Amino acid sequence: MLSSQELCAQARSNVSEVDVHELQQKIAEGARVIDVREPGEFAAGHIRQAVNMPRGVLEMQINQHPAVAGYDDALQRIAAEPLYLICRSGGRSALAAESLARMGFDKAKVISVVGGMQAWEEAKYPQVAGE
């Protein structure tokens, strides 16, 4: 039996990752960010450009991402460009990235953010509350 920490560590070893400094650079270049935390966590503080899709419903809602909503080929469109997934500490985003890879997303294009919002806050990068 695996503990949650072991499960997350296993997922992290199977997915692509970036740190918050690289994410900040990618956001400046127009990267898409999905925050997989729960709505209350997201409302307390998040990256302005992030879209909230909690991990529990990510697989069902990914085709509703604002960048592709309304297209018949939404999954193919959302999978065409890199997606950066962030959570509180990096565990849920790694699990979410692993799940999207099982759905057929390219592992190199679904990227988990190491350290999550905790690392983002420690780096003093901007965030917004509410919304």
N, C-alpha and C. Protein backbone atom coordinates (compact mmCIF):
# COMPACT_ATOMS: atom_id res chain seq x y z
N MET A 1 0.84 -1.18 0.00
CA MET A 1 0.00 0.00 0.00
C MET A 1 0.89 1.25 0.00
N LEU A 2 0.55 2.23 -0.83
CA LEU A 2 1.31 3.47 -0.93
C LEU A 2 0.68 4.58 -0.09
N SER A 3 1.51 5.37 0.54
CA SER A 3 1.00 6.57 1.22
C SER A 3 0.74 7.63 0.16
N SER A 4 0.04 8.69 0.52
CA SER A 4 -0.23 9.76 -0.44
C SER A 4 1.08 10.40 -0.89
N GLN A 5 2.05 10.54 0.02
CA GLN A 5 3.34 11.12 -0.35
C GLN A 5 4.06 10.23 -1.37
N GLU A 6 4.00 8.91 -1.17
CA GLU A 6 4.64 7.98 -2.09
C GLU A 6 3.95 8.00 -3.45
N LEU A 7 2.63 8.09 -3.43
CA LEU A 7 1.87 8.15 -4.68
C LEU A 7 2.23 9.41 -5.47
N CYS A 8 2.31 10.53 -4.78
CA CYS A 8 2.68 11.79 -5.44
C CYS A 8 4.11 11.74 -5.96
N ALA A 9 5.02 11.17 -5.18
CA ALA A 9 6.42 11.05 -5.61
C ALA A 9 6.51 10.17 -6.85
N GLN A 10 5.74 9.11 -6.87
CA GLN A 10 5.71 8.23 -8.03
C GLN A 10 5.19 8.98 -9.26
N ALA A 11 4.14 9.75 -9.08
CA ALA A 11 3.58 10.53 -10.18
C ALA A 11 4.60 11.54 -10.68
N ARG A 12 5.29 12.21 -9.75
CA ARG A 12 6.29 13.22 -10.15
C ARG A 12 7.39 12.60 -10.99
N SER A 13 7.72 11.35 -10.73
CA SER A 13 8.78 10.70 -11.52
C SER A 13 8.30 10.33 -12.92
N ASN A 14 6.99 10.41 -13.17
CA ASN A 14 6.42 10.02 -14.46
C ASN A 14 5.95 11.19 -15.31
N VAL A 15 6.11 12.42 -14.82
CA VAL A 15 5.59 13.58 -15.55
C VAL A 15 6.68 14.62 -15.76
N SER A 16 6.42 15.55 -16.67
CA SER A 16 7.33 16.68 -16.89
C SER A 16 7.05 17.72 -15.82
N GLU A 17 8.10 18.39 -15.36
CA GLU A 17 7.95 19.41 -14.33
C GLU A 17 8.77 20.65 -14.67
N VAL A 18 8.31 21.79 -14.18
CA VAL A 18 9.07 23.04 -14.23
C VAL A 18 9.00 23.69 -12.86
N ASP A 19 9.94 24.59 -12.58
CA ASP A 19 9.84 25.34 -11.34
C ASP A 19 9.06 26.64 -11.59
N VAL A 20 8.78 27.37 -10.54
CA VAL A 20 7.95 28.57 -10.67
C VAL A 20 8.63 29.66 -11.49
N HIS A 21 9.95 29.69 -11.49
CA HIS A 21 10.67 30.70 -12.27
C HIS A 21 10.47 30.46 -13.76
N GLU A 22 10.54 29.19 -14.16
CA GLU A 22 10.29 28.87 -15.57
C GLU A 22 8.82 29.11 -15.91
N LEU A 23 7.92 28.78 -14.98
CA LEU A 23 6.49 29.04 -15.22
C LEU A 23 6.25 30.53 -15.42
N GLN A 24 6.84 31.37 -14.59
CA GLN A 24 6.66 32.82 -14.73
C GLN A 24 7.09 33.26 -16.13
N GLN A 25 8.19 32.74 -16.62
CA GLN A 25 8.66 33.08 -17.96
C GLN A 25 7.67 32.58 -19.02
N LYS A 26 7.18 31.37 -18.86
CA LYS A 26 6.23 30.80 -19.82
C LYS A 26 4.92 31.59 -19.83
N ILE A 27 4.47 32.05 -18.66
CA ILE A 27 3.25 32.86 -18.59
C ILE A 27 3.45 34.16 -19.38
N ALA A 28 4.63 34.75 -19.25
CA ALA A 28 4.92 35.98 -20.00
C ALA A 28 4.87 35.73 -21.51
N GLU A 29 5.09 34.49 -21.90
CA GLU A 29 5.04 34.10 -23.32
C GLU A 29 3.65 33.62 -23.74
N GLY A 30 2.68 33.67 -22.81
CA GLY A 30 1.31 33.29 -23.14
C GLY A 30 0.90 31.88 -22.76
N ALA A 31 1.65 31.22 -21.89
CA ALA A 31 1.33 29.84 -21.49
C ALA A 31 -0.04 29.73 -20.83
N ARG A 32 -0.66 28.58 -21.00
CA ARG A 32 -1.94 28.28 -20.35
C ARG A 32 -1.66 27.56 -19.03
N VAL A 33 -2.29 28.05 -17.97
CA VAL A 33 -2.11 27.49 -16.63
C VAL A 33 -3.46 27.03 -16.10
N ILE A 34 -3.47 25.81 -15.60
CA ILE A 34 -4.67 25.27 -14.95
C ILE A 34 -4.32 25.03 -13.48
N ASP A 35 -5.10 25.65 -12.61
CA ASP A 35 -4.95 25.48 -11.17
C ASP A 35 -5.90 24.36 -10.76
N VAL A 36 -5.34 23.25 -10.25
CA VAL A 36 -6.16 22.08 -9.95
C VAL A 36 -6.60 22.03 -8.48
N ARG A 37 -6.42 23.14 -7.76
CA ARG A 37 -6.87 23.18 -6.37
C ARG A 37 -8.38 23.35 -6.31
N GLU A 38 -8.92 23.19 -5.14
CA GLU A 38 -10.35 23.36 -4.92
C GLU A 38 -10.73 24.83 -5.05
N PRO A 39 -11.99 25.14 -5.38
CA PRO A 39 -12.40 26.53 -5.59
C PRO A 39 -12.08 27.47 -4.43
N GLY A 40 -12.23 27.02 -3.20
CA GLY A 40 -11.91 27.87 -2.05
C GLY A 40 -10.44 28.22 -1.99
N GLU A 41 -9.58 27.26 -2.29
CA GLU A 41 -8.14 27.52 -2.32
C GLU A 41 -7.80 28.52 -3.44
N PHE A 42 -8.40 28.31 -4.60
CA PHE A 42 -8.20 29.17 -5.75
C PHE A 42 -8.63 30.61 -5.42
N ALA A 43 -9.80 30.76 -4.80
CA ALA A 43 -10.32 32.08 -4.47
C ALA A 43 -9.43 32.81 -3.47
N ALA A 44 -8.75 32.06 -2.61
CA ALA A 44 -7.89 32.68 -1.59
C ALA A 44 -6.65 33.32 -2.21
N GLY A 45 -6.24 32.86 -3.38
CA GLY A 45 -5.08 33.44 -4.06
C GLY A 45 -4.62 32.54 -5.18
N HIS A 46 -4.49 33.12 -6.38
CA HIS A 46 -4.09 32.33 -7.55
C HIS A 46 -3.35 33.20 -8.56
N ILE A 47 -2.77 32.55 -9.52
CA ILE A 47 -2.11 33.24 -10.62
C ILE A 47 -3.21 33.82 -11.51
N ARG A 48 -3.10 35.08 -11.86
CA ARG A 48 -4.16 35.76 -12.62
C ARG A 48 -4.54 35.01 -13.89
N GLN A 49 -3.58 34.49 -14.60
CA GLN A 49 -3.85 33.84 -15.88
C GLN A 49 -4.38 32.41 -15.73
N ALA A 50 -4.42 31.88 -14.53
CA ALA A 50 -4.83 30.49 -14.32
C ALA A 50 -6.35 30.31 -14.43
N VAL A 51 -6.73 29.15 -14.92
CA VAL A 51 -8.12 28.72 -14.96
C VAL A 51 -8.26 27.64 -13.90
N ASN A 52 -9.30 27.73 -13.08
CA ASN A 52 -9.51 26.75 -12.01
C ASN A 52 -10.30 25.56 -12.53
N MET A 53 -9.67 24.39 -12.50
CA MET A 53 -10.32 23.12 -12.80
C MET A 53 -9.84 22.13 -11.75
N PRO A 54 -10.59 21.97 -10.65
CA PRO A 54 -10.14 21.10 -9.57
C PRO A 54 -9.81 19.69 -10.07
N ARG A 55 -8.83 19.11 -9.44
CA ARG A 55 -8.36 17.79 -9.86
C ARG A 55 -9.50 16.78 -9.92
N GLY A 56 -10.45 16.87 -9.04
CA GLY A 56 -11.55 15.91 -9.00
C GLY A 56 -12.44 15.92 -10.23
N VAL A 57 -12.42 17.02 -10.99
CA VAL A 57 -13.28 17.12 -12.19
C VAL A 57 -12.49 17.48 -13.43
N LEU A 58 -11.18 17.54 -13.33
CA LEU A 58 -10.33 17.98 -14.44
C LEU A 58 -10.60 17.20 -15.72
N GLU A 59 -10.62 15.90 -15.62
CA GLU A 59 -10.79 15.07 -16.82
C GLU A 59 -12.14 15.32 -17.49
N MET A 60 -13.16 15.64 -16.71
CA MET A 60 -14.48 15.91 -17.26
C MET A 60 -14.62 17.33 -17.78
N GLN A 61 -13.81 18.27 -17.28
CA GLN A 61 -13.96 19.67 -17.65
C GLN A 61 -12.88 20.20 -18.59
N ILE A 62 -11.84 19.43 -18.85
CA ILE A 62 -10.72 19.93 -19.64
C ILE A 62 -11.18 20.44 -21.01
N ASN A 63 -12.19 19.82 -21.59
CA ASN A 63 -12.69 20.27 -22.90
C ASN A 63 -13.50 21.57 -22.80
N GLN A 64 -13.72 22.07 -21.58
CA GLN A 64 -14.44 23.34 -21.39
C GLN A 64 -13.49 24.49 -21.09
N HIS A 65 -12.19 24.25 -21.20
CA HIS A 65 -11.22 25.32 -20.98
C HIS A 65 -11.57 26.48 -21.90
N PRO A 66 -11.51 27.72 -21.41
CA PRO A 66 -11.89 28.86 -22.24
C PRO A 66 -11.18 28.95 -23.59
N ALA A 67 -9.98 28.40 -23.68
CA ALA A 67 -9.23 28.47 -24.93
C ALA A 67 -9.84 27.58 -26.02
N VAL A 68 -10.65 26.59 -25.62
CA VAL A 68 -11.17 25.63 -26.61
C VAL A 68 -12.66 25.37 -26.48
N ALA A 69 -13.32 25.97 -25.50
CA ALA A 69 -14.75 25.71 -25.28
C ALA A 69 -15.55 26.00 -26.54
N GLY A 70 -16.45 25.11 -26.84
CA GLY A 70 -17.32 25.30 -28.00
C GLY A 70 -16.84 24.61 -29.26
N TYR A 71 -15.60 24.17 -29.29
CA TYR A 71 -15.09 23.46 -30.46
C TYR A 71 -15.43 21.97 -30.37
N ASP A 72 -15.77 21.37 -31.49
CA ASP A 72 -16.04 19.93 -31.51
C ASP A 72 -14.79 19.12 -31.19
N ASP A 73 -13.63 19.66 -31.56
CA ASP A 73 -12.36 18.97 -31.32
C ASP A 73 -11.60 19.61 -30.15
N ALA A 74 -12.34 19.95 -29.08
CA ALA A 74 -11.76 20.67 -27.95
C ALA A 74 -10.57 19.94 -27.33
N LEU A 75 -10.68 18.63 -27.16
CA LEU A 75 -9.57 17.90 -26.54
C LEU A 75 -8.32 17.96 -27.39
N GLN A 76 -8.46 17.82 -28.69
CA GLN A 76 -7.30 17.90 -29.57
C GLN A 76 -6.70 19.31 -29.53
N ARG A 77 -7.56 20.32 -29.50
CA ARG A 77 -7.06 21.71 -29.45
C ARG A 77 -6.34 22.01 -28.15
N ILE A 78 -6.90 21.56 -27.02
CA ILE A 78 -6.27 21.87 -25.73
C ILE A 78 -4.96 21.09 -25.59
N ALA A 79 -4.88 19.93 -26.23
CA ALA A 79 -3.67 19.10 -26.14
C ALA A 79 -2.57 19.56 -27.07
N ALA A 80 -2.88 20.45 -28.00
CA ALA A 80 -1.89 20.86 -29.00
C ALA A 80 -0.78 21.75 -28.43
N GLU A 81 -1.07 22.49 -27.38
CA GLU A 81 -0.10 23.40 -26.77
C GLU A 81 0.17 22.96 -25.33
N PRO A 82 1.32 23.32 -24.78
CA PRO A 82 1.62 22.93 -23.39
C PRO A 82 0.58 23.46 -22.40
N LEU A 83 0.32 22.65 -21.39
CA LEU A 83 -0.55 23.01 -20.27
C LEU A 83 0.29 22.92 -19.00
N TYR A 84 0.26 23.96 -18.22
CA TYR A 84 0.99 23.98 -16.96
C TYR A 84 -0.03 23.81 -15.84
N LEU A 85 0.17 22.79 -15.02
CA LEU A 85 -0.75 22.47 -13.93
C LEU A 85 -0.10 22.86 -12.60
N ILE A 86 -0.88 23.53 -11.76
CA ILE A 86 -0.36 23.96 -10.46
C ILE A 86 -1.38 23.63 -9.37
N CYS A 87 -0.86 23.33 -8.20
CA CYS A 87 -1.70 23.09 -7.02
C CYS A 87 -1.03 23.78 -5.83
N ARG A 88 -1.25 23.32 -4.64
CA ARG A 88 -0.66 23.96 -3.47
C ARG A 88 0.83 23.67 -3.36
N SER A 89 1.22 22.39 -3.52
CA SER A 89 2.62 22.02 -3.29
C SER A 89 3.26 21.21 -4.41
N GLY A 90 2.49 20.80 -5.40
CA GLY A 90 3.04 20.03 -6.51
C GLY A 90 2.58 18.60 -6.59
N GLY A 91 1.93 18.10 -5.56
CA GLY A 91 1.46 16.71 -5.56
C GLY A 91 0.24 16.49 -6.43
N ARG A 92 -0.80 17.28 -6.20
CA ARG A 92 -2.03 17.11 -7.00
C ARG A 92 -1.79 17.43 -8.46
N SER A 93 -0.94 18.41 -8.74
CA SER A 93 -0.67 18.74 -10.15
C SER A 93 0.07 17.61 -10.84
N ALA A 94 0.95 16.92 -10.13
CA ALA A 94 1.64 15.76 -10.72
C ALA A 94 0.66 14.63 -10.98
N LEU A 95 -0.24 14.38 -10.03
CA LEU A 95 -1.27 13.35 -10.23
C LEU A 95 -2.18 13.71 -11.40
N ALA A 96 -2.53 15.00 -11.51
CA ALA A 96 -3.38 15.46 -12.61
C ALA A 96 -2.67 15.31 -13.95
N ALA A 97 -1.38 15.64 -13.99
CA ALA A 97 -0.61 15.50 -15.23
C ALA A 97 -0.54 14.04 -15.66
N GLU A 98 -0.35 13.18 -14.69
CA GLU A 98 -0.30 11.73 -14.97
C GLU A 98 -1.65 11.26 -15.52
N SER A 99 -2.73 11.76 -14.96
CA SER A 99 -4.07 11.39 -15.42
C SER A 99 -4.32 11.87 -16.85
N LEU A 100 -3.93 13.11 -17.17
CA LEU A 100 -4.11 13.62 -18.53
C LEU A 100 -3.26 12.82 -19.52
N ALA A 101 -2.09 12.38 -19.10
CA ALA A 101 -1.26 11.54 -19.97
C ALA A 101 -1.97 10.22 -20.26
N ARG A 102 -2.66 9.67 -19.26
CA ARG A 102 -3.44 8.44 -19.49
C ARG A 102 -4.58 8.67 -20.46
N MET A 103 -5.07 9.92 -20.52
CA MET A 103 -6.14 10.26 -21.47
C MET A 103 -5.61 10.41 -22.90
N GLY A 104 -4.28 10.45 -23.04
CA GLY A 104 -3.69 10.58 -24.36
C GLY A 104 -2.94 11.87 -24.61
N PHE A 105 -2.92 12.77 -23.61
CA PHE A 105 -2.14 14.00 -23.74
C PHE A 105 -0.66 13.64 -23.78
N ASP A 106 0.10 14.38 -24.56
CA ASP A 106 1.54 14.20 -24.66
C ASP A 106 2.18 14.54 -23.31
N LYS A 107 2.91 13.60 -22.73
CA LYS A 107 3.53 13.82 -21.41
C LYS A 107 4.44 15.04 -21.40
N ALA A 108 5.05 15.34 -22.52
CA ALA A 108 5.95 16.49 -22.58
C ALA A 108 5.20 17.81 -22.62
N LYS A 109 3.89 17.76 -22.91
CA LYS A 109 3.10 18.99 -23.01
C LYS A 109 2.17 19.21 -21.82
N VAL A 110 2.16 18.30 -20.87
CA VAL A 110 1.38 18.45 -19.65
C VAL A 110 2.39 18.53 -18.52
N ILE A 111 2.56 19.71 -17.98
CA ILE A 111 3.68 19.99 -17.10
C ILE A 111 3.20 20.40 -15.71
N SER A 112 3.73 19.72 -14.71
CA SER A 112 3.40 20.02 -13.32
C SER A 112 4.41 21.03 -12.78
N VAL A 113 3.93 21.93 -11.93
CA VAL A 113 4.79 22.96 -11.35
C VAL A 113 5.30 22.49 -9.98
N VAL A 114 6.61 22.33 -9.90
CA VAL A 114 7.25 21.88 -8.66
C VAL A 114 7.03 22.92 -7.56
N GLY A 115 6.58 22.46 -6.42
CA GLY A 115 6.38 23.36 -5.28
C GLY A 115 5.08 24.12 -5.28
N GLY A 116 4.38 24.12 -6.42
CA GLY A 116 3.06 24.72 -6.53
C GLY A 116 2.98 26.17 -6.07
N MET A 117 1.80 26.53 -5.58
CA MET A 117 1.56 27.90 -5.13
C MET A 117 2.41 28.28 -3.93
N GLN A 118 2.82 27.30 -3.14
CA GLN A 118 3.71 27.61 -2.02
C GLN A 118 5.02 28.20 -2.55
N ALA A 119 5.58 27.57 -3.56
CA ALA A 119 6.82 28.06 -4.16
C ALA A 119 6.59 29.39 -4.88
N TRP A 120 5.41 29.53 -5.52
CA TRP A 120 5.06 30.78 -6.20
C TRP A 120 5.05 31.94 -5.19
N GLU A 121 4.41 31.71 -4.05
CA GLU A 121 4.34 32.73 -3.00
C GLU A 121 5.72 33.03 -2.43
N GLU A 122 6.53 31.99 -2.19
CA GLU A 122 7.88 32.18 -1.66
C GLU A 122 8.73 33.01 -2.61
N ALA A 123 8.50 32.86 -3.92
CA ALA A 123 9.24 33.63 -4.92
C ALA A 123 8.69 35.05 -5.06
N LYS A 124 7.60 35.32 -4.33
CA LYS A 124 6.94 36.64 -4.34
C LYS A 124 6.41 37.04 -5.71
N TYR A 125 5.97 36.04 -6.47
CA TYR A 125 5.32 36.33 -7.75
C TYR A 125 3.89 36.78 -7.49
N PRO A 126 3.32 37.57 -8.40
CA PRO A 126 1.99 38.14 -8.15
C PRO A 126 0.88 37.09 -8.19
N GLN A 127 -0.11 37.36 -7.37
CA GLN A 127 -1.33 36.54 -7.40
C GLN A 127 -2.50 37.44 -7.06
N VAL A 128 -3.68 36.94 -7.38
CA VAL A 128 -4.91 37.68 -7.10
C VAL A 128 -5.82 36.80 -6.25
N ALA A 129 -6.72 37.43 -5.53
CA ALA A 129 -7.71 36.70 -4.73
C ALA A 129 -9.08 36.92 -5.35
N GLY A 130 -9.98 36.05 -5.00
CA GLY A 130 -11.33 36.14 -5.52
C GLY A 130 -11.42 35.61 -6.93
N GLU A 131 -12.31 36.21 -7.72
CA GLU A 131 -12.54 35.84 -9.11
C GLU A 131 -12.98 34.42 -9.19
